[in-house]
Structure formats: C-alpha cells, structure tokens
Protein backbone atom coordinates (compact mmCIF):
# COMPACT_ATOMS: atom_id res chain seq x y z
CA MET A 1 133.60 51.00 -22.47
CA LYS A 2 132.64 47.74 -22.46
CA THR A 3 132.72 45.45 -19.48
CA LYS A 4 134.42 42.68 -17.63
CA ASN A 5 131.34 40.62 -18.53
CA GLN A 6 130.61 41.65 -21.94
CA ILE A 7 134.27 40.92 -22.71
CA GLU A 8 133.76 37.16 -21.60
CA ASP A 9 130.34 36.94 -23.26
CA TYR A 10 131.88 37.95 -26.40
CA ASP A 11 134.92 35.95 -26.30
CA LEU A 12 132.36 33.09 -25.63
CA ILE A 13 130.24 33.79 -28.75
CA ARG A 14 133.35 34.04 -30.99
CA ASN A 15 134.51 30.69 -29.64
CA ALA A 16 130.81 29.08 -29.84
CA ASN A 17 130.42 30.67 -33.76
CA GLU A 18 133.66 28.39 -34.43
CA GLY A 19 132.29 25.44 -33.11
CA ASP A 20 133.09 25.59 -29.22
CA THR A 21 129.92 23.90 -27.82
CA ASN A 22 131.03 23.95 -24.47
CA ALA A 23 131.61 27.84 -24.93
CA PHE A 24 127.89 28.14 -25.94
CA ARG A 25 126.91 25.84 -22.77
CA GLN A 26 128.83 28.30 -20.39
CA LEU A 27 126.90 31.19 -22.01
CA VAL A 28 123.32 29.35 -21.24
CA TYR A 29 124.49 28.31 -18.02
CA LYS A 30 125.94 32.18 -17.48
CA HIS A 31 122.36 33.36 -18.41
CA LYS A 32 119.67 30.69 -18.01
CA ASP A 33 118.83 31.87 -14.40
CA VAL A 34 117.63 35.74 -15.41
CA SER A 35 116.38 34.18 -18.29
CA LEU A 36 114.33 31.45 -17.05
CA SER A 37 112.73 34.63 -14.84
CA LEU A 38 111.85 36.53 -17.76
CA ALA A 39 110.42 33.85 -19.08
CA TYR A 40 108.59 33.37 -15.86
CA SER A 41 107.34 36.73 -15.70
CA VAL A 42 105.12 36.77 -19.30
CA LEU A 43 103.96 33.15 -18.63
CA LYS A 44 103.14 32.57 -14.67
CA ASP A 45 104.00 29.12 -15.45
CA ARG A 46 107.55 27.47 -14.27
CA THR A 47 107.05 24.46 -16.60
CA ILE A 48 106.20 26.10 -19.65
CA ALA A 49 109.07 29.17 -19.36
CA GLU A 50 111.41 26.22 -18.90
CA ASP A 51 109.82 24.74 -21.97
CA VAL A 52 110.03 28.30 -24.11
CA LEU A 53 113.62 29.02 -22.64
CA GLN A 54 114.72 25.93 -24.18
CA ASP A 55 113.61 27.40 -27.52
CA ALA A 56 114.45 30.56 -27.01
CA PHE A 57 117.81 29.15 -26.28
CA ILE A 58 117.62 26.87 -29.75
CA LYS A 59 117.13 30.06 -31.67
CA VAL A 60 119.91 31.96 -29.88
CA PHE A 61 121.98 29.07 -31.11
CA HIS A 62 120.96 29.07 -34.86
CA LYS A 63 121.45 32.95 -34.76
CA LEU A 64 124.58 33.41 -32.97
CA ASN A 65 126.07 34.31 -35.68
CA THR A 66 124.29 37.17 -36.20
CA PHE A 67 124.78 38.87 -33.28
CA ASN A 68 127.12 41.84 -33.93
CA PHE A 69 128.81 42.94 -30.93
CA LYS A 70 127.36 46.40 -30.90
CA SER A 71 125.41 45.70 -27.75
CA SER A 72 125.62 43.57 -24.82
CA PHE A 73 124.82 40.27 -25.69
CA SER A 74 122.24 39.93 -21.94
CA THR A 75 120.10 42.69 -24.23
CA TRP A 76 120.18 40.35 -27.65
CA LEU A 77 119.41 37.61 -25.79
CA TYR A 78 116.44 38.83 -23.27
CA ARG A 79 115.29 40.19 -26.42
CA ILE A 80 114.55 36.85 -27.92
CA ILE A 81 113.67 35.14 -24.51
CA VAL A 82 111.19 37.93 -24.48
CA ASN A 83 109.84 37.80 -27.70
CA THR A 84 109.53 33.92 -27.50
CA SER A 85 107.58 33.81 -24.48
CA TYR A 86 105.02 36.51 -25.60
CA ASN A 87 104.37 34.33 -28.79
CA GLU A 88 103.84 31.24 -26.28
CA LEU A 89 101.47 33.45 -24.80
CA LYS A 90 99.55 34.27 -27.94
CA LYS A 91 99.55 30.93 -28.82
CA ARG A 92 97.94 29.44 -25.42
CA LYS A 93 95.20 32.53 -25.95
CA THR A 94 93.66 31.80 -22.61
CA ASN A 95 95.24 33.18 -19.35
CA ILE A 96 98.08 30.89 -18.02
CA SER A 97 96.76 29.83 -14.63
CA LEU A 98 98.00 31.68 -11.60
CA ASP A 99 97.93 28.57 -9.37
CA GLU A 100 101.08 27.26 -11.02
CA ASP A 101 103.47 25.98 -8.13
CA ASN A 102 100.73 25.62 -5.68
CA LYS A 103 102.84 24.47 -2.80
CA ASP A 104 104.06 28.64 -3.34
CA ASN A 105 100.53 29.70 -2.00
CA PHE A 106 101.13 27.51 1.19
CA LEU A 107 102.40 30.47 3.33
CA THR A 108 103.94 30.21 6.47
CA PRO A 109 103.81 32.80 9.09
CA ILE A 110 106.76 34.65 9.83
CA GLU A 111 108.72 33.56 12.79
CA ASP A 112 111.26 35.68 13.68
CA LYS A 113 109.44 39.18 13.77
CA ASP A 114 112.99 40.78 13.87
CA PHE A 115 114.03 39.68 10.24
CA MET A 116 112.78 37.76 7.35
CA LYS A 117 115.09 34.71 5.55
CA GLU A 118 116.35 35.82 2.37
CA SER A 119 114.57 32.77 0.99
CA ASP A 120 111.20 33.74 2.26
CA GLN A 121 111.76 37.19 0.91
CA LYS A 122 112.01 35.60 -2.66
CA ARG A 123 109.08 33.56 -2.39
CA TYR A 124 106.54 36.49 -1.21
CA ILE A 125 107.96 38.55 -3.90
CA ASN A 126 108.05 36.08 -6.78
CA ILE A 127 104.05 34.91 -5.29
CA ALA A 128 103.19 38.65 -5.75
CA LEU A 129 105.04 39.00 -9.07
CA LYS A 130 102.98 36.41 -10.38
CA GLN A 131 99.88 38.16 -9.68
CA LEU A 132 100.74 41.21 -11.50
CA LYS A 133 100.06 41.95 -15.46
CA PRO A 134 102.99 39.84 -17.45
CA ASP A 135 104.31 43.70 -19.22
CA GLU A 136 104.74 44.78 -15.28
CA SER A 137 106.25 41.98 -14.14
CA LEU A 138 108.66 41.68 -17.30
CA VAL A 139 109.38 45.61 -16.77
CA LEU A 140 110.09 44.96 -12.80
CA ARG A 141 112.78 42.57 -13.34
CA LEU A 142 114.44 44.02 -16.16
CA PHE A 143 115.17 47.01 -14.51
CA TYR A 144 115.48 45.60 -11.38
CA LEU A 145 117.02 42.10 -11.56
CA CYS A 146 118.86 42.82 -14.90
CA GLU A 147 119.56 46.08 -13.95
CA LEU A 148 118.58 47.51 -17.50
CA SER A 149 117.71 50.97 -17.98
CA ILE A 150 114.73 52.26 -19.69
CA LYS A 151 116.50 52.93 -23.10
CA GLU A 152 117.66 48.42 -22.68
CA ILE A 153 114.45 47.78 -21.42
CA GLU A 154 112.62 49.53 -24.92
CA LYS A 155 115.41 47.79 -27.06
CA VAL A 156 114.43 44.20 -25.45
CA THR A 157 110.58 44.61 -25.35
CA ASN A 158 110.29 47.09 -28.27
CA PHE A 159 107.94 49.12 -25.73
CA LYS A 160 107.88 52.88 -26.29
CA THR A 161 109.22 54.97 -23.45
CA SER A 162 106.27 55.84 -21.80
CA LYS A 163 104.81 52.83 -21.81
CA VAL A 164 108.17 51.15 -19.81
CA LYS A 165 107.67 54.26 -17.97
CA VAL A 166 103.98 53.41 -17.09
CA ASP A 167 104.70 49.46 -16.39
CA LEU A 168 107.46 50.35 -14.12
CA HIS A 169 105.06 52.71 -11.91
CA ARG A 170 101.90 50.55 -11.90
CA GLY A 171 104.21 47.67 -11.27
CA ARG A 172 105.39 49.17 -8.31
CA ASP A 173 102.21 49.98 -7.08
CA ASN A 174 100.85 46.66 -8.18
CA LEU A 175 103.59 44.88 -6.63
CA SER A 176 103.73 46.55 -2.95
CA PHE A 177 99.24 46.23 -3.08
CA GLN A 178 99.91 42.54 -3.45
CA LEU A 179 102.78 42.20 -0.96
CA LYS A 180 100.31 43.67 1.91
CA GLN A 181 97.76 41.56 0.56
CA LEU A 182 99.68 38.41 1.13
CA LEU A 183 101.81 39.88 4.39
CA GLY A 184 99.58 42.26 5.82
CA ASP A 185 101.23 44.08 9.10
CA ASP A 186 104.16 42.00 8.36
CA ILE A 187 105.07 43.25 5.07
CA ASN A 188 107.22 45.70 7.43
CA TYR A 189 109.58 42.72 8.03
CA LEU A 190 110.55 42.09 4.58
CA LEU A 191 111.72 45.37 3.81
C-alpha cells in the first residue's frame, strides 16, 4: 500500500512529466535536505556536495520520465544522488579534506550539564560522521535519517546485504568512538 508521501511524490512526478516545472521544484524542495546529507556523507565537503546535488537533480529532471512508479521515488532519487556522489569522489581520486567547514571544529563546551541543545547534538553528530568512511556514513544516514530498510539500502547503494550490515555495525561503532573522542565524559549529555 502506498503512503501519503509516495502518492504526493507520484502526483508531482506525473505533473512534472506533463511540463509543470513548479511540480518538479516541489519535488526538489521536498527531498533536497536529505539528498544533500547523503551527498555530503560520501564527499565530506559541503560545497562539493551542493554542486553534486545540483548535477544529480539535473539528471533526475532529464530521467524523470523513466521513473516506473514501482518503487518509492525517494529510493530512485537516492540511488541517483549516491551514484553521482561516488562518481565525483572517483574523479577527485584524493581524499577530500575533512577540515571543510572549519567553524564546526571549534567546539564549545557544554554549558548546561542537564541537557544538550538539539542544534549542538546535530553539530556533534555531523562532525563525527565526517570522520567516518564514506560507505559507513552513507549507510548510517540511509538507515537512520531516511529510515530505509536494509533491502532498500541495497537498492540505493548497490551494496550486498552483508556489506550493508557490516557498514551499519562498523559505522555505529566508529560513530560512537568519534563522539567519545569529541565529547569525552560529556557524551552522556548527547543521549
């Protein structure tokens, strides 16, 4: 059974395929934040991820008429985002600097020991995710942020089931390690 979200996407796709550019803009707007997060998880550089995202959405625009409505649009879209991101990573052939957004690396101490602000939580988690391998970061974001199943992650990434499970496991462990490195004893305030 299709979800309300899928039905909305399908209506926007049909309208976009009939020439309604506003419908395509709505699709982009609806999926841009998660898509940027996925590109960023692979590329580790926000500026490059934004450029790749723009290229990916151009591809989506040109290929939208090939979408077959058998799967969710987000799975199809994420596959294009991931492939475009990895292609860009291959072009660069060098590790992208993990020090992009240096302002994020100036961490402020946790002032209120009873809780950590949601914005601080996100910032620390994103800094930790930057330190992970692209595959681990990507799989974690697909699983937790996009709430995709392992089977859906396989479709998006073209990874085998065993690789998805291993990357999830290692990604969780490495994320925990990175957060402990960043926060030390204050990690309890993140949870």
